[in-house]
């Protein structure tokens, strides 16, 4: 008994063990980057033009490219009643827009309003994609309204389970951004995008646009949050563009997604679940060539 008590006393005196440290199973973190001057993408940058930071620590860029890795793109279309003419515009130009993709690229199609419907799983055969898009024009009965955040969560789950290997992951949503989200805030959507390395871009139609912040002193019900694909897209490294005509913008958004820069680096050793911030900058020499350049990259990643 005395020996047991002595062992217990020693154990209590030992310092608390630090959280387990490990190196992520993913040997490299990939960061998809878009660079714009005004509305025009900057397309002449090289690996040596970028600076990359992980929690403010400079990182060595181990891999760099544009279009080297195949693309998995999920098209998420709002088919609620107010969206019918915009969906038709997208369908009208989709076939030509998708021709810019490479044979190894994949596209999936999901429709949503009150519920979601995956009408085409990921495929490299654009004939099936175009056929699925035609189904969107038939106004499938998916309920009234547009549950944007729950639909984004469903699309992220499709990407999580269906996309494997070193592929670029992207979601392009077409919506009017007009609904309130009930008990579905933005944070889980942003976390899902960052966890899966998926970049969200949005085509926003209609008159609503980016929601305005609440007025000072105005009581806000946290259960109801305005839809804000602008904020979600920016956090993932993408962007939202507001337009009245989808047929002209849709091909441009596909091309923008296809031509992103891709930076890869070996992440620092981190405790599991730690959120680490990513920052991408241009070197002083590149900034001198492109003084008005704006960089879009995801906010960070979760060590896993």
C-alpha atoms as a PDB file:
ATOM      1  CA  UNK A   1       0.000   0.000   0.000  1.00  0.00           C
ATOM      2  CA  UNK A   2       2.840   2.391   0.908  1.00  0.00           C
ATOM      3  CA  UNK A   3       4.471   1.762  -2.482  1.00  0.00           C
ATOM      4  CA  UNK A   4       1.159   2.462  -4.269  1.00  0.00           C
ATOM      5  CA  UNK A   5       0.689   5.733  -2.376  1.00  0.00           C
ATOM      6  CA  UNK A   6       4.234   6.740  -3.212  1.00  0.00           C
ATOM      7  CA  UNK A   7       3.659   6.097  -6.924  1.00  0.00           C
ATOM      8  CA  UNK A   8       0.425   8.113  -6.858  1.00  0.00           C
ATOM      9  CA  UNK A   9       2.199  10.997  -5.125  1.00  0.00           C
ATOM     10  CA  UNK A  10       4.950  10.998  -7.746  1.00  0.00           C
ATOM     11  CA  UNK A  11       2.391  10.952 -10.545  1.00  0.00           C
ATOM     12  CA  UNK A  12       0.600  13.949  -9.071  1.00  0.00           C
ATOM     13  CA  UNK A  13       3.864  15.860  -8.888  1.00  0.00           C
ATOM     14  CA  UNK A  14       4.723  15.230 -12.537  1.00  0.00           C
ATOM     15  CA  UNK A  15       4.071  18.190 -14.881  1.00  0.00           C
ATOM     16  CA  UNK A  16       1.006  18.051 -17.132  1.00  0.00           C
ATOM     17  CA  UNK A  17       1.759  16.509 -20.488  1.00  0.00           C
ATOM     18  CA  UNK A  18       1.584  18.896 -23.472  1.00  0.00           C
ATOM     19  CA  UNK A  19      -0.983  18.233 -26.193  1.00  0.00           C
ATOM     20  CA  UNK A  20       0.191  15.653 -28.743  1.00  0.00           C
ATOM     21  CA  UNK A  21       2.152  17.135 -31.615  1.00  0.00           C
ATOM     22  CA  UNK A  22       2.153  15.515 -34.991  1.00  0.00           C
ATOM     23  CA  UNK A  23       2.795  16.184 -38.638  1.00  0.00           C
ATOM     24  CA  UNK A  24      -0.318  16.223 -40.766  1.00  0.00           C
ATOM     25  CA  UNK A  25      -0.964  13.175 -42.925  1.00  0.00           C
ATOM     26  CA  UNK A  26      -1.321  15.603 -45.818  1.00  0.00           C
ATOM     27  CA  UNK A  27       2.312  16.235 -46.698  1.00  0.00           C
ATOM     28  CA  UNK A  28       1.544  19.575 -48.312  1.00  0.00           C
ATOM     29  CA  UNK A  29      -1.043  22.321 -47.944  1.00  0.00           C
ATOM     30  CA  UNK A  30      -2.380  23.612 -51.254  1.00  0.00           C
ATOM     31  CA  UNK A  31      -3.499  27.213 -51.583  1.00  0.00           C
ATOM     32  CA  UNK A  32      -5.460  28.266 -54.661  1.00  0.00           C
ATOM     33  CA  UNK A  33      -4.749  31.924 -55.412  1.00  0.00           C
ATOM     34  CA  UNK A  34      -6.434  34.491 -57.647  1.00  0.00           C
ATOM     35  CA  UNK A  35      -4.792  37.819 -58.427  1.00  0.00           C
ATOM     36  CA  UNK A  36      -6.732  40.726 -59.965  1.00  0.00           C
ATOM     37  CA  UNK A  37      -6.053  44.253 -61.077  1.00  0.00           C
ATOM     38  CA  UNK A  38      -9.510  45.744 -61.185  1.00  0.00           C
ATOM     39  CA  UNK A  39     -11.688  43.204 -62.964  1.00  0.00           C
ATOM     40  CA  UNK A  40      -8.821  41.680 -64.922  1.00  0.00           C
ATOM     41  CA  UNK A  41      -6.887  38.607 -63.724  1.00  0.00           C
ATOM     42  CA  UNK A  42      -3.103  38.874 -63.510  1.00  0.00           C
ATOM     43  CA  UNK A  43      -1.730  35.951 -65.498  1.00  0.00           C
ATOM     44  CA  UNK A  44       2.026  36.569 -65.775  1.00  0.00           C
ATOM     45  CA  UNK A  45       3.141  35.674 -62.243  1.00  0.00           C
ATOM     46  CA  UNK A  46       5.761  33.038 -61.407  1.00  0.00           C
ATOM     47  CA  UNK A  47       6.609  31.109 -58.245  1.00  0.00           C
ATOM     48  CA  UNK A  48       9.248  33.697 -57.363  1.00  0.00           C
ATOM     49  CA  UNK A  49       6.592  36.450 -57.340  1.00  0.00           C
ATOM     50  CA  UNK A  50       4.773  35.086 -54.275  1.00  0.00           C
ATOM     51  CA  UNK A  51       5.414  35.222 -50.536  1.00  0.00           C
ATOM     52  CA  UNK A  52       3.551  32.702 -48.366  1.00  0.00           C
ATOM     53  CA  UNK A  53       3.021  32.845 -44.594  1.00  0.00           C
ATOM     54  CA  UNK A  54       1.577  30.281 -42.163  1.00  0.00           C
ATOM     55  CA  UNK A  55       0.591  31.988 -38.880  1.00  0.00           C
ATOM     56  CA  UNK A  56       2.935  34.833 -39.893  1.00  0.00           C
ATOM     57  CA  UNK A  57       5.848  32.408 -40.375  1.00  0.00           C
ATOM     58  CA  UNK A  58       7.358  32.589 -43.887  1.00  0.00           C
ATOM     59  CA  UNK A  59       7.083  29.310 -45.779  1.00  0.00           C
ATOM     60  CA  UNK A  60       9.016  27.803 -48.654  1.00  0.00           C
ATOM     61  CA  UNK A  61       6.788  27.307 -51.681  1.00  0.00           C
ATOM     62  CA  UNK A  62       7.455  23.688 -52.623  1.00  0.00           C
ATOM     63  CA  UNK A  63       5.052  23.483 -55.546  1.00  0.00           C
ATOM     64  CA  UNK A  64       3.656  26.010 -57.973  1.00  0.00           C
ATOM     65  CA  UNK A  65       1.527  25.863 -61.059  1.00  0.00           C
ATOM     66  CA  UNK A  66      -1.553  26.791 -62.988  1.00  0.00           C
ATOM     67  CA  UNK A  67      -3.865  24.028 -64.222  1.00  0.00           C
ATOM     68  CA  UNK A  68      -1.343  21.262 -63.425  1.00  0.00           C
ATOM     69  CA  UNK A  69      -3.740  19.558 -61.020  1.00  0.00           C
ATOM     70  CA  UNK A  70      -7.132  18.444 -62.378  1.00  0.00           C
ATOM     71  CA  UNK A  71     -10.230  20.342 -61.280  1.00  0.00           C
ATOM     72  CA  UNK A  72     -13.339  19.017 -59.542  1.00  0.00           C
ATOM     73  CA  UNK A  73     -16.072  21.644 -59.904  1.00  0.00           C
ATOM     74  CA  UNK A  74     -19.559  21.403 -58.397  1.00  0.00           C
ATOM     75  CA  UNK A  75     -22.202  23.654 -59.968  1.00  0.00           C
ATOM     76  CA  UNK A  76     -24.815  24.588 -57.344  1.00  0.00           C
ATOM     77  CA  UNK A  77     -27.895  26.176 -58.928  1.00  0.00           C
ATOM     78  CA  UNK A  78     -30.692  27.947 -57.087  1.00  0.00           C
ATOM     79  CA  UNK A  79     -33.889  26.805 -58.844  1.00  0.00           C
ATOM     80  CA  UNK A  80     -36.397  28.684 -56.668  1.00  0.00           C
ATOM     81  CA  UNK A  81     -39.160  30.522 -58.515  1.00  0.00           C
ATOM     82  CA  UNK A  82     -37.369  33.877 -58.728  1.00  0.00           C
ATOM     83  CA  UNK A  83     -34.347  32.264 -60.394  1.00  0.00           C
ATOM     84  CA  UNK A  84     -35.893  30.633 -63.468  1.00  0.00           C
ATOM     85  CA  UNK A  85     -34.714  33.124 -66.117  1.00  0.00           C
ATOM     86  CA  UNK A  86     -31.190  33.258 -64.669  1.00  0.00           C
ATOM     87  CA  UNK A  87     -30.925  29.468 -64.631  1.00  0.00           C
ATOM     88  CA  UNK A  88     -32.018  29.413 -68.271  1.00  0.00           C
ATOM     89  CA  UNK A  89     -29.281  31.932 -69.121  1.00  0.00           C
ATOM     90  CA  UNK A  90     -26.681  29.750 -67.424  1.00  0.00           C
ATOM     91  CA  UNK A  91     -27.881  26.648 -69.249  1.00  0.00           C
ATOM     92  CA  UNK A  92     -27.792  28.505 -72.570  1.00  0.00           C
ATOM     93  CA  UNK A  93     -24.077  29.217 -72.276  1.00  0.00           C
ATOM     94  CA  UNK A  94     -22.948  26.244 -70.160  1.00  0.00           C
ATOM     95  CA  UNK A  95     -22.012  23.940 -73.025  1.00  0.00           C
ATOM     96  CA  UNK A  96     -19.587  26.456 -74.540  1.00  0.00           C
ATOM     97  CA  UNK A  97     -18.215  27.468 -71.116  1.00  0.00           C
ATOM     98  CA  UNK A  98     -17.438  23.898 -70.093  1.00  0.00           C
ATOM     99  CA  UNK A  99     -15.456  23.259 -73.277  1.00  0.00           C
ATOM    100  CA  UNK A 100     -12.547  25.163 -71.718  1.00  0.00           C
ATOM    101  CA  UNK A 101     -12.112  22.370 -69.143  1.00  0.00           C
ATOM    102  CA  UNK A 102      -9.531  19.646 -69.695  1.00  0.00           C
ATOM    103  CA  UNK A 103     -10.391  15.949 -70.223  1.00  0.00           C
ATOM    104  CA  UNK A 104      -9.301  15.029 -66.672  1.00  0.00           C
ATOM    105  CA  UNK A 105     -11.456  17.738 -65.056  1.00  0.00           C
ATOM    106  CA  UNK A 106     -14.720  16.715 -63.379  1.00  0.00           C
ATOM    107  CA  UNK A 107     -18.044  18.509 -62.955  1.00  0.00           C
ATOM    108  CA  UNK A 108     -21.040  17.713 -60.754  1.00  0.00           C
ATOM    109  CA  UNK A 109     -24.455  19.441 -60.747  1.00  0.00           C
ATOM    110  CA  UNK A 110     -26.628  20.042 -57.679  1.00  0.00           C
ATOM    111  CA  UNK A 111     -29.939  21.941 -57.596  1.00  0.00           C
ATOM    112  CA  UNK A 112     -31.485  23.521 -54.539  1.00  0.00           C
ATOM    113  CA  UNK A 113     -34.318  25.579 -53.141  1.00  0.00           C
ATOM    114  CA  UNK A 114     -35.880  24.259 -49.908  1.00  0.00           C
ATOM    115  CA  UNK A 115     -34.073  20.938 -50.489  1.00  0.00           C
ATOM    116  CA  UNK A 116     -31.070  19.850 -52.545  1.00  0.00           C
ATOM    117  CA  UNK A 117     -30.923  17.357 -55.368  1.00  0.00           C
ATOM    118  CA  UNK A 118     -27.696  15.995 -56.855  1.00  0.00           C
ATOM    119  CA  UNK A 119     -28.702  15.531 -60.486  1.00  0.00           C
ATOM    120  CA  UNK A 120     -25.224  14.618 -61.727  1.00  0.00           C
ATOM    121  CA  UNK A 121     -22.353  13.161 -59.665  1.00  0.00           C
ATOM    122  CA  UNK A 122     -18.810  14.107 -60.651  1.00  0.00           C
ATOM    123  CA  UNK A 123     -18.019  13.105 -64.206  1.00  0.00           C
ATOM    124  CA  UNK A 124     -15.560  14.027 -66.939  1.00  0.00           C
ATOM    125  CA  UNK A 125     -18.184  13.483 -69.632  1.00  0.00           C
ATOM    126  CA  UNK A 126     -19.663  16.915 -70.296  1.00  0.00           C
ATOM    127  CA  UNK A 127     -22.579  15.358 -72.205  1.00  0.00           C
ATOM    128  CA  UNK A 128     -23.966  14.123 -68.882  1.00  0.00           C
ATOM    129  CA  UNK A 129     -23.330  17.513 -67.282  1.00  0.00           C
ATOM    130  CA  UNK A 130     -25.227  19.342 -70.025  1.00  0.00           C
ATOM    131  CA  UNK A 131     -28.062  16.845 -69.738  1.00  0.00           C
ATOM    132  CA  UNK A 132     -28.245  17.459 -65.987  1.00  0.00           C
ATOM    133  CA  UNK A 133     -28.296  21.213 -66.531  1.00  0.00           C
ATOM    134  CA  UNK A 134     -31.233  20.819 -68.894  1.00  0.00           C
ATOM    135  CA  UNK A 135     -33.055  19.117 -66.011  1.00  0.00           C
ATOM    136  CA  UNK A 136     -32.692  22.340 -64.026  1.00  0.00           C
ATOM    137  CA  UNK A 137     -34.813  24.127 -66.636  1.00  0.00           C
ATOM    138  CA  UNK A 138     -37.768  21.833 -65.918  1.00  0.00           C
ATOM    139  CA  UNK A 139     -38.285  23.584 -62.550  1.00  0.00           C
ATOM    140  CA  UNK A 140     -37.916  20.524 -60.297  1.00  0.00           C
ATOM    141  CA  UNK A 141     -40.109  20.678 -57.215  1.00  0.00           C
ATOM    142  CA  UNK A 142     -37.668  21.180 -54.362  1.00  0.00           C
ATOM    143  CA  UNK A 143     -39.885  23.301 -52.140  1.00  0.00           C
ATOM    144  CA  UNK A 144     -40.327  27.032 -51.687  1.00  0.00           C
ATOM    145  CA  UNK A 145     -37.551  29.445 -50.801  1.00  0.00           C
ATOM    146  CA  UNK A 146     -33.768  29.121 -50.955  1.00  0.00           C
ATOM    147  CA  UNK A 147     -31.903  27.520 -48.061  1.00  0.00           C
ATOM    148  CA  UNK A 148     -28.458  28.698 -49.123  1.00  0.00           C
ATOM    149  CA  UNK A 149     -26.233  27.681 -46.194  1.00  0.00           C
ATOM    150  CA  UNK A 150     -27.744  24.200 -45.732  1.00  0.00           C
ATOM    151  CA  UNK A 151     -27.384  23.658 -49.487  1.00  0.00           C
ATOM    152  CA  UNK A 152     -23.744  24.745 -49.362  1.00  0.00           C
ATOM    153  CA  UNK A 153     -23.168  22.265 -46.522  1.00  0.00           C
ATOM    154  CA  UNK A 154     -24.713  19.503 -48.655  1.00  0.00           C
ATOM    155  CA  UNK A 155     -22.472  20.412 -51.600  1.00  0.00           C
ATOM    156  CA  UNK A 156     -19.374  20.452 -49.373  1.00  0.00           C
ATOM    157  CA  UNK A 157     -20.271  16.961 -48.163  1.00  0.00           C
ATOM    158  CA  UNK A 158     -20.437  15.761 -51.779  1.00  0.00           C
ATOM    159  CA  UNK A 159     -16.965  17.188 -52.401  1.00  0.00           C
ATOM    160  CA  UNK A 160     -15.674  15.655 -49.154  1.00  0.00           C
ATOM    161  CA  UNK A 161     -16.859  12.145 -49.988  1.00  0.00           C
ATOM    162  CA  UNK A 162     -16.517  12.036 -53.778  1.00  0.00           C
ATOM    163  CA  UNK A 163     -13.266  13.876 -54.546  1.00  0.00           C
ATOM    164  CA  UNK A 164      -9.991  12.119 -53.798  1.00  0.00           C
ATOM    165  CA  UNK A 165      -6.343  12.710 -54.521  1.00  0.00           C
ATOM    166  CA  UNK A 166      -4.459  15.843 -55.565  1.00  0.00           C
ATOM    167  CA  UNK A 167      -7.291  17.712 -57.233  1.00  0.00           C
ATOM    168  CA  UNK A 168      -8.364  21.339 -57.057  1.00  0.00           C
ATOM    169  CA  UNK A 169     -11.801  21.582 -55.466  1.00  0.00           C
ATOM    170  CA  UNK A 170     -14.294  24.324 -56.348  1.00  0.00           C
ATOM    171  CA  UNK A 171     -17.984  25.157 -55.985  1.00  0.00           C
ATOM    172  CA  UNK A 172     -19.749  27.717 -58.182  1.00  0.00           C
ATOM    173  CA  UNK A 173     -23.136  28.808 -56.830  1.00  0.00           C
ATOM    174  CA  UNK A 174     -25.770  30.726 -58.799  1.00  0.00           C
ATOM    175  CA  UNK A 175     -28.267  32.462 -56.490  1.00  0.00           C
ATOM    176  CA  UNK A 176     -29.996  35.747 -55.701  1.00  0.00           C
ATOM    177  CA  UNK A 177     -28.663  35.668 -52.101  1.00  0.00           C
ATOM    178  CA  UNK A 178     -32.116  36.729 -50.953  1.00  0.00           C
ATOM    179  CA  UNK A 179     -33.072  34.414 -48.092  1.00  0.00           C
ATOM    180  CA  UNK A 180     -32.619  34.328 -44.329  1.00  0.00           C
ATOM    181  CA  UNK A 181     -30.801  31.328 -42.902  1.00  0.00           C
ATOM    182  CA  UNK A 182     -32.597  29.825 -39.904  1.00  0.00           C
ATOM    183  CA  UNK A 183     -30.233  28.227 -37.363  1.00  0.00           C
ATOM    184  CA  UNK A 184     -27.589  27.896 -40.077  1.00  0.00           C
ATOM    185  CA  UNK A 185     -24.822  30.497 -39.606  1.00  0.00           C
ATOM    186  CA  UNK A 186     -21.927  31.058 -41.969  1.00  0.00           C
ATOM    187  CA  UNK A 187     -19.165  29.660 -39.742  1.00  0.00           C
ATOM    188  CA  UNK A 188     -19.814  25.907 -40.283  1.00  0.00           C
ATOM    189  CA  UNK A 189     -19.956  26.528 -44.041  1.00  0.00           C
ATOM    190  CA  UNK A 190     -16.643  28.381 -44.000  1.00  0.00           C
ATOM    191  CA  UNK A 191     -15.103  25.675 -41.826  1.00  0.00           C
ATOM    192  CA  UNK A 192     -16.272  22.957 -44.230  1.00  0.00           C
ATOM    193  CA  UNK A 193     -14.765  24.780 -47.187  1.00  0.00           C
ATOM    194  CA  UNK A 194     -11.441  25.271 -45.396  1.00  0.00           C
ATOM    195  CA  UNK A 195     -11.329  21.674 -44.144  1.00  0.00           C
ATOM    196  CA  UNK A 196     -11.838  20.286 -47.647  1.00  0.00           C
ATOM    197  CA  UNK A 197      -9.672  22.878 -49.404  1.00  0.00           C
ATOM    198  CA  UNK A 198     -12.652  23.932 -51.510  1.00  0.00           C
ATOM    199  CA  UNK A 199     -12.913  27.409 -53.046  1.00  0.00           C
ATOM    200  CA  UNK A 200     -16.399  28.923 -53.377  1.00  0.00           C
ATOM    201  CA  UNK A 201     -17.257  31.382 -56.131  1.00  0.00           C
ATOM    202  CA  UNK A 202     -20.692  32.920 -56.546  1.00  0.00           C
ATOM    203  CA  UNK A 203     -22.747  34.537 -59.272  1.00  0.00           C
ATOM    204  CA  UNK A 204     -25.302  36.728 -57.497  1.00  0.00           C
ATOM    205  CA  UNK A 205     -28.296  37.991 -59.477  1.00  0.00           C
ATOM    206  CA  UNK A 206     -31.184  40.263 -58.647  1.00  0.00           C
ATOM    207  CA  UNK A 207     -31.310  43.305 -56.407  1.00  0.00           C
ATOM    208  CA  UNK A 208     -30.254  42.016 -52.993  1.00  0.00           C
ATOM    209  CA  UNK A 209     -26.472  41.789 -53.252  1.00  0.00           C
ATOM    210  CA  UNK A 210     -24.294  41.838 -50.133  1.00  0.00           C
ATOM    211  CA  UNK A 211     -26.367  42.269 -46.958  1.00  0.00           C
ATOM    212  CA  UNK A 212     -25.848  45.488 -45.049  1.00  0.00           C
ATOM    213  CA  UNK A 213     -24.638  45.330 -41.425  1.00  0.00           C
ATOM    214  CA  UNK A 214     -27.352  45.876 -38.776  1.00  0.00           C
ATOM    215  CA  UNK A 215     -27.938  49.435 -37.648  1.00  0.00           C
ATOM    216  CA  UNK A 216     -26.393  50.419 -34.304  1.00  0.00           C
ATOM    217  CA  UNK A 217     -28.728  49.589 -31.443  1.00  0.00           C
ATOM    218  CA  UNK A 218     -30.933  47.420 -33.651  1.00  0.00           C
ATOM    219  CA  UNK A 219     -31.881  44.110 -31.992  1.00  0.00           C
ATOM    220  CA  UNK A 220     -30.734  41.108 -34.023  1.00  0.00           C
ATOM    221  CA  UNK A 221     -32.156  37.601 -33.659  1.00  0.00           C
ATOM    222  CA  UNK A 222     -29.111  35.290 -33.913  1.00  0.00           C
ATOM    223  CA  UNK A 223     -31.324  32.428 -35.081  1.00  0.00           C
ATOM    224  CA  UNK A 224     -31.974  34.281 -38.352  1.00  0.00           C
ATOM    225  CA  UNK A 225     -28.967  35.447 -40.361  1.00  0.00           C
ATOM    226  CA  UNK A 226     -29.074  37.034 -43.817  1.00  0.00           C
ATOM    227  CA  UNK A 227     -27.600  34.977 -46.624  1.00  0.00           C
ATOM    228  CA  UNK A 228     -24.089  36.206 -47.410  1.00  0.00           C
ATOM    229  CA  UNK A 229     -22.298  34.224 -50.107  1.00  0.00           C
ATOM    230  CA  UNK A 230     -19.989  37.231 -50.499  1.00  0.00           C
ATOM    231  CA  UNK A 231     -18.433  36.698 -47.074  1.00  0.00           C
ATOM    232  CA  UNK A 232     -18.302  32.903 -47.407  1.00  0.00           C
ATOM    233  CA  UNK A 233     -16.685  33.020 -50.840  1.00  0.00           C
ATOM    234  CA  UNK A 234     -14.033  35.512 -49.744  1.00  0.00           C
ATOM    235  CA  UNK A 235     -13.121  33.426 -46.680  1.00  0.00           C
ATOM    236  CA  UNK A 236     -12.533  30.395 -48.916  1.00  0.00           C
ATOM    237  CA  UNK A 237     -10.304  32.304 -51.337  1.00  0.00           C
ATOM    238  CA  UNK A 238     -12.949  32.873 -53.993  1.00  0.00           C
ATOM    239  CA  UNK A 239     -15.280  35.752 -54.689  1.00  0.00           C
ATOM    240  CA  UNK A 240     -18.847  36.738 -55.503  1.00  0.00           C
ATOM    241  CA  UNK A 241     -19.809  38.793 -58.547  1.00  0.00           C
ATOM    242  CA  UNK A 242     -23.172  40.496 -58.943  1.00  0.00           C
ATOM    243  CA  UNK A 243     -24.638  40.598 -62.441  1.00  0.00           C
ATOM    244  CA  UNK A 244     -27.911  40.912 -64.296  1.00  0.00           C
ATOM    245  CA  UNK A 245     -26.976  38.624 -67.180  1.00  0.00           C
ATOM    246  CA  UNK A 246     -25.616  35.201 -66.312  1.00  0.00           C
ATOM    247  CA  UNK A 247     -24.904  34.122 -69.890  1.00  0.00           C
ATOM    248  CA  UNK A 248     -21.976  36.546 -70.219  1.00  0.00           C
ATOM    249  CA  UNK A 249     -20.582  36.010 -66.734  1.00  0.00           C
ATOM    250  CA  UNK A 250     -20.854  32.227 -66.493  1.00  0.00           C
ATOM    251  CA  UNK A 251     -18.029  31.474 -68.979  1.00  0.00           C
ATOM    252  CA  UNK A 252     -15.822  34.082 -67.298  1.00  0.00           C
ATOM    253  CA  UNK A 253     -16.308  32.466 -63.882  1.00  0.00           C
ATOM    254  CA  UNK A 254     -15.474  29.006 -65.266  1.00  0.00           C
ATOM    255  CA  UNK A 255     -12.298  30.405 -66.814  1.00  0.00           C
ATOM    256  CA  UNK A 256     -11.394  32.190 -63.574  1.00  0.00           C
ATOM    257  CA  UNK A 257     -11.749  28.966 -61.597  1.00  0.00           C
ATOM    258  CA  UNK A 258      -9.747  26.979 -64.152  1.00  0.00           C
ATOM    259  CA  UNK A 259      -6.802  29.381 -64.265  1.00  0.00           C
ATOM    260  CA  UNK A 260      -6.087  29.942 -60.565  1.00  0.00           C
ATOM    261  CA  UNK A 261      -2.506  29.774 -59.326  1.00  0.00           C
ATOM    262  CA  UNK A 262      -1.747  26.845 -57.041  1.00  0.00           C
ATOM    263  CA  UNK A 263       0.848  27.118 -54.254  1.00  0.00           C
ATOM    264  CA  UNK A 264       1.913  24.135 -52.132  1.00  0.00           C
ATOM    265  CA  UNK A 265       4.025  24.020 -48.982  1.00  0.00           C
ATOM    266  CA  UNK A 266       4.892  21.623 -46.162  1.00  0.00           C
ATOM    267  CA  UNK A 267       2.890  22.740 -43.096  1.00  0.00           C
ATOM    268  CA  UNK A 268       4.520  23.315 -39.713  1.00  0.00           C
ATOM    269  CA  UNK A 269       4.026  20.645 -37.050  1.00  0.00           C
ATOM    270  CA  UNK A 270       0.762  21.459 -35.239  1.00  0.00           C
ATOM    271  CA  UNK A 271      -1.656  19.966 -32.691  1.00  0.00           C
ATOM    272  CA  UNK A 272      -4.638  18.271 -34.254  1.00  0.00           C
ATOM    273  CA  UNK A 273      -7.533  20.636 -35.002  1.00  0.00           C
ATOM    274  CA  UNK A 274      -5.441  23.789 -34.729  1.00  0.00           C
ATOM    275  CA  UNK A 275      -6.571  26.554 -37.068  1.00  0.00           C
ATOM    276  CA  UNK A 276      -3.614  28.128 -38.825  1.00  0.00           C
ATOM    277  CA  UNK A 277      -3.892  31.372 -40.774  1.00  0.00           C
ATOM    278  CA  UNK A 278      -2.572  31.659 -44.308  1.00  0.00           C
ATOM    279  CA  UNK A 279      -1.420  34.895 -45.908  1.00  0.00           C
ATOM    280  CA  UNK A 280      -0.244  35.312 -49.492  1.00  0.00           C
ATOM    281  CA  UNK A 281       1.562  38.414 -50.725  1.00  0.00           C
ATOM    282  CA  UNK A 282       3.435  39.534 -53.797  1.00  0.00           C
ATOM    283  CA  UNK A 283       7.151  40.193 -53.575  1.00  0.00           C
ATOM    284  CA  UNK A 284       8.205  43.859 -53.749  1.00  0.00           C
ATOM    285  CA  UNK A 285       9.356  43.314 -57.341  1.00  0.00           C
ATOM    286  CA  UNK A 286       6.012  41.789 -58.374  1.00  0.00           C
ATOM    287  CA  UNK A 287       4.124  44.490 -56.475  1.00  0.00           C
ATOM    288  CA  UNK A 288       6.059  47.117 -58.408  1.00  0.00           C
ATOM    289  CA  UNK A 289       4.862  45.551 -61.665  1.00  0.00           C
ATOM    290  CA  UNK A 290       1.293  45.221 -60.386  1.00  0.00           C
ATOM    291  CA  UNK A 291       0.778  48.018 -57.821  1.00  0.00           C
ATOM    292  CA  UNK A 292      -3.021  47.652 -57.727  1.00  0.00           C
ATOM    293  CA  UNK A 293      -3.120  43.871 -57.559  1.00  0.00           C
ATOM    294  CA  UNK A 294      -5.598  42.269 -55.134  1.00  0.00           C
ATOM    295  CA  UNK A 295      -4.953  38.717 -53.926  1.00  0.00           C
ATOM    296  CA  UNK A 296      -7.679  36.195 -53.093  1.00  0.00           C
ATOM    297  CA  UNK A 297      -6.638  33.155 -51.029  1.00  0.00           C
ATOM    298  CA  UNK A 298      -8.282  31.147 -48.289  1.00  0.00           C
ATOM    299  CA  UNK A 299      -8.042  32.382 -44.714  1.00  0.00           C
ATOM    300  CA  UNK A 300      -6.369  29.259 -43.387  1.00  0.00           C
ATOM    301  CA  UNK A 301      -6.717  25.541 -42.711  1.00  0.00           C
ATOM    302  CA  UNK A 302      -7.308  23.082 -39.870  1.00  0.00           C
ATOM    303  CA  UNK A 303      -4.457  20.730 -39.006  1.00  0.00           C
ATOM    304  CA  UNK A 304      -5.790  17.200 -39.344  1.00  0.00           C
END
